[in-house]
PDB file of all heavy atoms in Angstrom:
ATOM      1  N   LEU A   1       0.817  -1.215   0.000  1.00  0.00           N
ATOM      2  CA  LEU A   1       0.000   0.000   0.000  1.00  0.00           C
ATOM      3  C   LEU A   1       0.851   1.264   0.000  1.00  0.00           C
ATOM      4  O   LEU A   1       0.611   2.185  -0.789  1.00  0.00           O
ATOM      5  CB  LEU A   1      -0.951   0.002   1.201  1.00  0.00           C
ATOM      6  CG  LEU A   1      -2.094  -1.007   1.146  1.00  0.00           C
ATOM      7  CD1 LEU A   1      -2.874  -0.994   2.448  1.00  0.00           C
ATOM      8  CD2 LEU A   1      -3.009  -0.723  -0.028  1.00  0.00           C
ATOM      9  N   VAL A   2       1.833   1.314   0.864  1.00  0.00           N
ATOM     10  CA  VAL A   2       2.675   2.512   0.936  1.00  0.00           C
ATOM     11  C   VAL A   2       3.502   2.657  -0.337  1.00  0.00           C
ATOM     12  O   VAL A   2       3.623   3.756  -0.889  1.00  0.00           O
ATOM     13  CB  VAL A   2       3.570   2.478   2.196  1.00  0.00           C
ATOM     14  CG1 VAL A   2       4.639   3.553   2.141  1.00  0.00           C
ATOM     15  CG2 VAL A   2       2.723   2.641   3.438  1.00  0.00           C
ATOM     16  N   GLY A   3       4.063   1.559  -0.852  1.00  0.00           N
ATOM     17  CA  GLY A   3       4.844   1.628  -2.084  1.00  0.00           C
ATOM     18  C   GLY A   3       4.010   2.089  -3.271  1.00  0.00           C
ATOM     19  O   GLY A   3       4.452   2.915  -4.080  1.00  0.00           O
ATOM     20  N   ALA A   4       2.787   1.577  -3.392  1.00  0.00           N
ATOM     21  CA  ALA A   4       1.908   1.985  -4.490  1.00  0.00           C
ATOM     22  C   ALA A   4       1.528   3.453  -4.362  1.00  0.00           C
ATOM     23  O   ALA A   4       1.514   4.192  -5.361  1.00  0.00           O
ATOM     24  CB  ALA A   4       0.662   1.104  -4.512  1.00  0.00           C
ATOM     25  N   LEU A   5       1.233   3.897  -3.148  1.00  0.00           N
ATOM     26  CA  LEU A   5       0.881   5.298  -2.931  1.00  0.00           C
ATOM     27  C   LEU A   5       2.060   6.214  -3.242  1.00  0.00           C
ATOM     28  O   LEU A   5       1.901   7.248  -3.905  1.00  0.00           O
ATOM     29  CB  LEU A   5       0.404   5.505  -1.491  1.00  0.00           C
ATOM     30  CG  LEU A   5      -0.011   6.918  -1.119  1.00  0.00           C
ATOM     31  CD1 LEU A   5      -1.222   7.363  -1.942  1.00  0.00           C
ATOM     32  CD2 LEU A   5      -0.337   6.989   0.362  1.00  0.00           C
ATOM     33  N   MET A   6       3.243   5.844  -2.781  1.00  0.00           N
ATOM     34  CA  MET A   6       4.422   6.670  -3.033  1.00  0.00           C
ATOM     35  C   MET A   6       4.742   6.728  -4.522  1.00  0.00           C
ATOM     36  O   MET A   6       5.114   7.781  -5.050  1.00  0.00           O
ATOM     37  CB  MET A   6       5.614   6.149  -2.231  1.00  0.00           C
ATOM     38  CG  MET A   6       5.504   6.401  -0.747  1.00  0.00           C
ATOM     39  SD  MET A   6       6.888   5.749   0.181  1.00  0.00           S
ATOM     40  CE  MET A   6       8.203   6.809  -0.384  1.00  0.00           C
ATOM     41  N   GLU A   7       4.604   5.600  -5.209  1.00  0.00           N
ATOM     42  CA  GLU A   7       4.878   5.587  -6.645  1.00  0.00           C
ATOM     43  C   GLU A   7       3.834   6.405  -7.399  1.00  0.00           C
ATOM     44  O   GLU A   7       4.159   7.155  -8.322  1.00  0.00           O
ATOM     45  CB  GLU A   7       4.907   4.156  -7.162  1.00  0.00           C
ATOM     46  CG  GLU A   7       5.379   4.050  -8.592  1.00  0.00           C
ATOM     47  CD  GLU A   7       5.644   2.626  -9.014  1.00  0.00           C
ATOM     48  OE1 GLU A   7       5.035   1.701  -8.441  1.00  0.00           O
ATOM     49  OE2 GLU A   7       6.458   2.445  -9.925  1.00  0.00           O
ATOM     50  N   HIS A   8       2.585   6.296  -7.001  1.00  0.00           N
ATOM     51  CA  HIS A   8       1.508   7.051  -7.642  1.00  0.00           C
ATOM     52  C   HIS A   8       1.728   8.560  -7.515  1.00  0.00           C
ATOM     53  O   HIS A   8       1.421   9.324  -8.423  1.00  0.00           O
ATOM     54  CB  HIS A   8       0.154   6.658  -7.039  1.00  0.00           C
ATOM     55  CG  HIS A   8      -1.000   7.445  -7.569  1.00  0.00           C
ATOM     56  ND1 HIS A   8      -1.473   7.279  -8.845  1.00  0.00           N
ATOM     57  CD2 HIS A   8      -1.748   8.418  -7.000  1.00  0.00           C
ATOM     58  CE1 HIS A   8      -2.482   8.122  -9.038  1.00  0.00           C
ATOM     59  NE2 HIS A   8      -2.664   8.816  -7.934  1.00  0.00           N
ATOM     60  N   GLN A   9       2.269   8.985  -6.387  1.00  0.00           N
ATOM     61  CA  GLN A   9       2.499  10.408  -6.154  1.00  0.00           C
ATOM     62  C   GLN A   9       3.868  10.874  -6.648  1.00  0.00           C
ATOM     63  O   GLN A   9       4.244  12.019  -6.436  1.00  0.00           O
ATOM     64  CB  GLN A   9       2.335  10.731  -4.675  1.00  0.00           C
ATOM     65  CG  GLN A   9       0.913  10.528  -4.215  1.00  0.00           C
ATOM     66  CD  GLN A   9       0.686  11.002  -2.800  1.00  0.00           C
ATOM     67  OE1 GLN A   9       1.605  11.395  -2.099  1.00  0.00           O
ATOM     68  NE2 GLN A   9      -0.558  10.969  -2.380  1.00  0.00           N
ATOM     69  N   GLY A  10       4.620   9.974  -7.280  1.00  0.00           N
ATOM     70  CA  GLY A  10       5.914  10.353  -7.835  1.00  0.00           C
ATOM     71  C   GLY A  10       7.017  10.481  -6.805  1.00  0.00           C
ATOM     72  O   GLY A  10       8.047  11.083  -7.082  1.00  0.00           O
ATOM     73  N   MET A  11       6.820   9.928  -5.614  1.00  0.00           N
ATOM     74  CA  MET A  11       7.833  10.039  -4.573  1.00  0.00           C
ATOM     75  C   MET A  11       8.983   9.069  -4.791  1.00  0.00           C
ATOM     76  O   MET A  11      10.115   9.343  -4.397  1.00  0.00           O
ATOM     77  CB  MET A  11       7.200   9.813  -3.205  1.00  0.00           C
ATOM     78  CG  MET A  11       6.200  10.890  -2.825  1.00  0.00           C
ATOM     79  SD  MET A  11       5.377  10.565  -1.260  1.00  0.00           S
ATOM     80  CE  MET A  11       6.697  10.882  -0.116  1.00  0.00           C
ATOM     81  N   VAL A  12       8.706   7.919  -5.364  1.00  0.00           N
ATOM     82  CA  VAL A  12       9.738   6.936  -5.695  1.00  0.00           C
ATOM     83  C   VAL A  12       9.427   6.390  -7.080  1.00  0.00           C
ATOM     84  O   VAL A  12       8.303   6.460  -7.557  1.00  0.00           O
ATOM     85  CB  VAL A  12       9.804   5.769  -4.677  1.00  0.00           C
ATOM     86  CG1 VAL A  12      10.221   6.244  -3.318  1.00  0.00           C
ATOM     87  CG2 VAL A  12       8.503   5.020  -4.613  1.00  0.00           C
ATOM     88  N   ALA A  13      10.431   5.844  -7.705  1.00  0.00           N
ATOM     89  CA  ALA A  13      10.248   5.228  -9.013  1.00  0.00           C
ATOM     90  C   ALA A  13      10.670   3.767  -8.917  1.00  0.00           C
ATOM     91  O   ALA A  13      11.533   3.409  -8.115  1.00  0.00           O
ATOM     92  CB  ALA A  13      11.089   5.948 -10.059  1.00  0.00           C
ATOM     93  N   GLY A  14      10.039   2.942  -9.717  1.00  0.00           N
ATOM     94  CA  GLY A  14      10.435   1.546  -9.761  1.00  0.00           C
ATOM     95  C   GLY A  14      11.848   1.415 -10.289  1.00  0.00           C
ATOM     96  O   GLY A  14      12.362   2.271 -11.008  1.00  0.00           O
ATOM     97  N   ARG A  15      12.492   0.322  -9.931  1.00  0.00           N
ATOM     98  CA  ARG A  15      13.866   0.085 -10.373  1.00  0.00           C
ATOM     99  C   ARG A  15      13.977  -1.323 -10.897  1.00  0.00           C
ATOM    100  O   ARG A  15      13.246  -2.215 -10.489  1.00  0.00           O
ATOM    101  CB  ARG A  15      14.831   0.284  -9.204  1.00  0.00           C
ATOM    102  CG  ARG A  15      14.785   1.710  -8.721  1.00  0.00           C
ATOM    103  CD  ARG A  15      15.888   2.001  -7.765  1.00  0.00           C
ATOM    104  NE  ARG A  15      15.781   3.423  -7.421  1.00  0.00           N
ATOM    105  CZ  ARG A  15      15.890   3.882  -6.225  1.00  0.00           C
ATOM    106  NH1 ARG A  15      16.138   3.096  -5.234  1.00  0.00           N
ATOM    107  NH2 ARG A  15      15.773   5.171  -6.005  1.00  0.00           N
ATOM    108  N   ALA A  16      14.905  -1.509 -11.785  1.00  0.00           N
ATOM    109  CA  ALA A  16      15.201  -2.822 -12.362  1.00  0.00           C
ATOM    110  C   ALA A  16      13.965  -3.443 -13.002  1.00  0.00           C
ATOM    111  O   ALA A  16      13.755  -4.640 -12.944  1.00  0.00           O
ATOM    112  CB  ALA A  16      15.806  -3.754 -11.306  1.00  0.00           C
ATOM    113  N   GLY A  17      13.127  -2.623 -13.596  1.00  0.00           N
ATOM    114  CA  GLY A  17      11.957  -3.123 -14.303  1.00  0.00           C
ATOM    115  C   GLY A  17      10.788  -3.522 -13.418  1.00  0.00           C
ATOM    116  O   GLY A  17       9.806  -4.046 -13.907  1.00  0.00           O
ATOM    117  N   ALA A  18      10.880  -3.294 -12.121  1.00  0.00           N
ATOM    118  CA  ALA A  18       9.793  -3.663 -11.209  1.00  0.00           C
ATOM    119  C   ALA A  18       9.208  -2.398 -10.597  1.00  0.00           C
ATOM    120  O   ALA A  18       9.937  -1.450 -10.314  1.00  0.00           O
ATOM    121  CB  ALA A  18      10.306  -4.573 -10.103  1.00  0.00           C
ATOM    122  N   PRO A  19       7.894  -2.372 -10.394  1.00  0.00           N
ATOM    123  CA  PRO A  19       7.308  -1.199  -9.739  1.00  0.00           C
ATOM    124  C   PRO A  19       7.768  -1.086  -8.285  1.00  0.00           C
ATOM    125  O   PRO A  19       8.178  -2.065  -7.670  1.00  0.00           O
ATOM    126  CB  PRO A  19       5.805  -1.447  -9.826  1.00  0.00           C
ATOM    127  CG  PRO A  19       5.627  -2.855 -10.233  1.00  0.00           C
ATOM    128  CD  PRO A  19       6.923  -3.352 -10.781  1.00  0.00           C
ATOM    129  N   ALA A  20       7.700   0.129  -7.755  1.00  0.00           N
ATOM    130  CA  ALA A  20       8.180   0.382  -6.395  1.00  0.00           C
ATOM    131  C   ALA A  20       7.408  -0.425  -5.357  1.00  0.00           C
ATOM    132  O   ALA A  20       7.975  -0.831  -4.344  1.00  0.00           O
ATOM    133  CB  ALA A  20       8.088   1.871  -6.071  1.00  0.00           C
ATOM    134  N   TRP A  21       6.115  -0.690  -5.594  1.00  0.00           N
ATOM    135  CA  TRP A  21       5.341  -1.404  -4.578  1.00  0.00           C
ATOM    136  C   TRP A  21       5.863  -2.821  -4.381  1.00  0.00           C
ATOM    137  O   TRP A  21       5.700  -3.395  -3.313  1.00  0.00           O
ATOM    138  CB  TRP A  21       3.853  -1.397  -4.891  1.00  0.00           C
ATOM    139  CG  TRP A  21       3.458  -2.032  -6.191  1.00  0.00           C
ATOM    140  CD1 TRP A  21       3.271  -1.403  -7.385  1.00  0.00           C
ATOM    141  CD2 TRP A  21       3.191  -3.412  -6.423  1.00  0.00           C
ATOM    142  NE1 TRP A  21       2.907  -2.308  -8.342  1.00  0.00           N
ATOM    143  CE2 TRP A  21       2.852  -3.554  -7.778  1.00  0.00           C
ATOM    144  CE3 TRP A  21       3.210  -4.542  -5.609  1.00  0.00           C
ATOM    145  CZ2 TRP A  21       2.547  -4.778  -8.346  1.00  0.00           C
ATOM    146  CZ3 TRP A  21       2.897  -5.762  -6.182  1.00  0.00           C
ATOM    147  CH2 TRP A  21       2.568  -5.869  -7.528  1.00  0.00           C
ATOM    148  N   VAL A  22       6.527  -3.389  -5.392  1.00  0.00           N
ATOM    149  CA  VAL A  22       7.106  -4.735  -5.235  1.00  0.00           C
ATOM    150  C   VAL A  22       8.241  -4.682  -4.219  1.00  0.00           C
ATOM    151  O   VAL A  22       8.316  -5.514  -3.307  1.00  0.00           O
ATOM    152  CB  VAL A  22       7.590  -5.287  -6.593  1.00  0.00           C
ATOM    153  CG1 VAL A  22       8.360  -6.584  -6.404  1.00  0.00           C
ATOM    154  CG2 VAL A  22       6.423  -5.482  -7.545  1.00  0.00           C
ATOM    155  N   ALA A  23       9.134  -3.701  -4.373  1.00  0.00           N
ATOM    156  CA  ALA A  23      10.256  -3.582  -3.443  1.00  0.00           C
ATOM    157  C   ALA A  23       9.770  -3.299  -2.026  1.00  0.00           C
ATOM    158  O   ALA A  23      10.260  -3.895  -1.063  1.00  0.00           O
ATOM    159  CB  ALA A  23      11.201  -2.477  -3.911  1.00  0.00           C
ATOM    160  N   PHE A  24       8.792  -2.407  -1.897  1.00  0.00           N
ATOM    161  CA  PHE A  24       8.258  -2.107  -0.565  1.00  0.00           C
ATOM    162  C   PHE A  24       7.546  -3.323   0.022  1.00  0.00           C
ATOM    163  O   PHE A  24       7.590  -3.564   1.226  1.00  0.00           O
ATOM    164  CB  PHE A  24       7.317  -0.897  -0.620  1.00  0.00           C
ATOM    165  CG  PHE A  24       8.023   0.413  -0.531  1.00  0.00           C
ATOM    166  CD1 PHE A  24       8.515   1.025  -1.668  1.00  0.00           C
ATOM    167  CD2 PHE A  24       8.209   1.032   0.681  1.00  0.00           C
ATOM    168  CE1 PHE A  24       9.166   2.231  -1.600  1.00  0.00           C
ATOM    169  CE2 PHE A  24       8.865   2.249   0.772  1.00  0.00           C
ATOM    170  CZ  PHE A  24       9.351   2.854  -0.377  1.00  0.00           C
ATOM    171  N   GLY A  25       6.877  -4.102  -0.818  1.00  0.00           N
ATOM    172  CA  GLY A  25       6.220  -5.324  -0.350  1.00  0.00           C
ATOM    173  C   GLY A  25       7.214  -6.337   0.175  1.00  0.00           C
ATOM    174  O   GLY A  25       7.015  -6.932   1.239  1.00  0.00           O
ATOM    175  N   VAL A  26       8.309  -6.536  -0.562  1.00  0.00           N
ATOM    176  CA  VAL A  26       9.347  -7.475  -0.117  1.00  0.00           C
ATOM    177  C   VAL A  26       9.973  -6.992   1.191  1.00  0.00           C
ATOM    178  O   VAL A  26      10.163  -7.775   2.130  1.00  0.00           O
ATOM    179  CB  VAL A  26      10.413  -7.660  -1.215  1.00  0.00           C
ATOM    180  CG1 VAL A  26      11.612  -8.430  -0.703  1.00  0.00           C
ATOM    181  CG2 VAL A  26       9.811  -8.367  -2.431  1.00  0.00           C
ATOM    182  N   LEU A  27      10.284  -5.713   1.247  1.00  0.00           N
ATOM    183  CA  LEU A  27      10.856  -5.162   2.478  1.00  0.00           C
ATOM    184  C   LEU A  27       9.887  -5.310   3.646  1.00  0.00           C
ATOM    185  O   LEU A  27      10.281  -5.675   4.758  1.00  0.00           O
ATOM    186  CB  LEU A  27      11.219  -3.687   2.269  1.00  0.00           C
ATOM    187  CG  LEU A  27      11.814  -2.971   3.467  1.00  0.00           C
ATOM    188  CD1 LEU A  27      13.126  -3.604   3.876  1.00  0.00           C
ATOM    189  CD2 LEU A  27      12.018  -1.502   3.140  1.00  0.00           C
ATOM    190  N   GLY A  28       8.609  -5.076   3.386  1.00  0.00           N
ATOM    191  CA  GLY A  28       7.602  -5.228   4.432  1.00  0.00           C
ATOM    192  C   GLY A  28       7.507  -6.647   4.954  1.00  0.00           C
ATOM    193  O   GLY A  28       7.365  -6.877   6.157  1.00  0.00           O
ATOM    194  N   VAL A  29       7.600  -7.630   4.046  1.00  0.00           N
ATOM    195  CA  VAL A  29       7.563  -9.036   4.467  1.00  0.00           C
ATOM    196  C   VAL A  29       8.759  -9.365   5.351  1.00  0.00           C
ATOM    197  O   VAL A  29       8.617  -9.994   6.406  1.00  0.00           O
ATOM    198  CB  VAL A  29       7.512  -9.976   3.242  1.00  0.00           C
ATOM    199  CG1 VAL A  29       7.785 -11.415   3.632  1.00  0.00           C
ATOM    200  CG2 VAL A  29       6.164  -9.869   2.545  1.00  0.00           C
ATOM    201  N   VAL A  30       9.936  -8.932   4.948  1.00  0.00           N
ATOM    202  CA  VAL A  30      11.150  -9.230   5.722  1.00  0.00           C
ATOM    203  C   VAL A  30      11.083  -8.583   7.103  1.00  0.00           C
ATOM    204  O   VAL A  30      11.313  -9.238   8.126  1.00  0.00           O
ATOM    205  CB  VAL A  30      12.404  -8.768   4.950  1.00  0.00           C
ATOM    206  CG1 VAL A  30      13.651  -8.868   5.812  1.00  0.00           C
ATOM    207  CG2 VAL A  30      12.578  -9.594   3.677  1.00  0.00           C
ATOM    208  N   VAL A  31      10.749  -7.294   7.133  1.00  0.00           N
ATOM    209  CA  VAL A  31      10.696  -6.589   8.421  1.00  0.00           C
ATOM    210  C   VAL A  31       9.563  -7.144   9.286  1.00  0.00           C
ATOM    211  O   VAL A  31       9.727  -7.358  10.489  1.00  0.00           O
ATOM    212  CB  VAL A  31      10.548  -5.069   8.198  1.00  0.00           C
ATOM    213  CG1 VAL A  31      10.271  -4.349   9.509  1.00  0.00           C
ATOM    214  CG2 VAL A  31      11.794  -4.518   7.543  1.00  0.00           C
ATOM    215  N   GLY A  32       8.403  -7.393   8.681  1.00  0.00           N
ATOM    216  CA  GLY A  32       7.276  -7.929   9.433  1.00  0.00           C
ATOM    217  C   GLY A  32       7.561  -9.306  10.003  1.00  0.00           C
ATOM    218  O   GLY A  32       7.214  -9.599  11.152  1.00  0.00           O
ATOM    219  N   ALA A  33       8.210 -10.161   9.208  1.00  0.00           N
ATOM    220  CA  ALA A  33       8.549 -11.509   9.693  1.00  0.00           C
ATOM    221  C   ALA A  33       9.538 -11.443  10.850  1.00  0.00           C
ATOM    222  O   ALA A  33       9.486 -12.256  11.770  1.00  0.00           O
ATOM    223  CB  ALA A  33       9.111 -12.350   8.551  1.00  0.00           C
TER     224      ALA A  33
END
């Protein structure tokens, strides 16, 4: 949710061909676990 919102508002850009919400999702899983 936060990654998609930040990308939608132009705060971050996707990298390596993946949207920003993917990176934030992976980070969220690691930190949450």
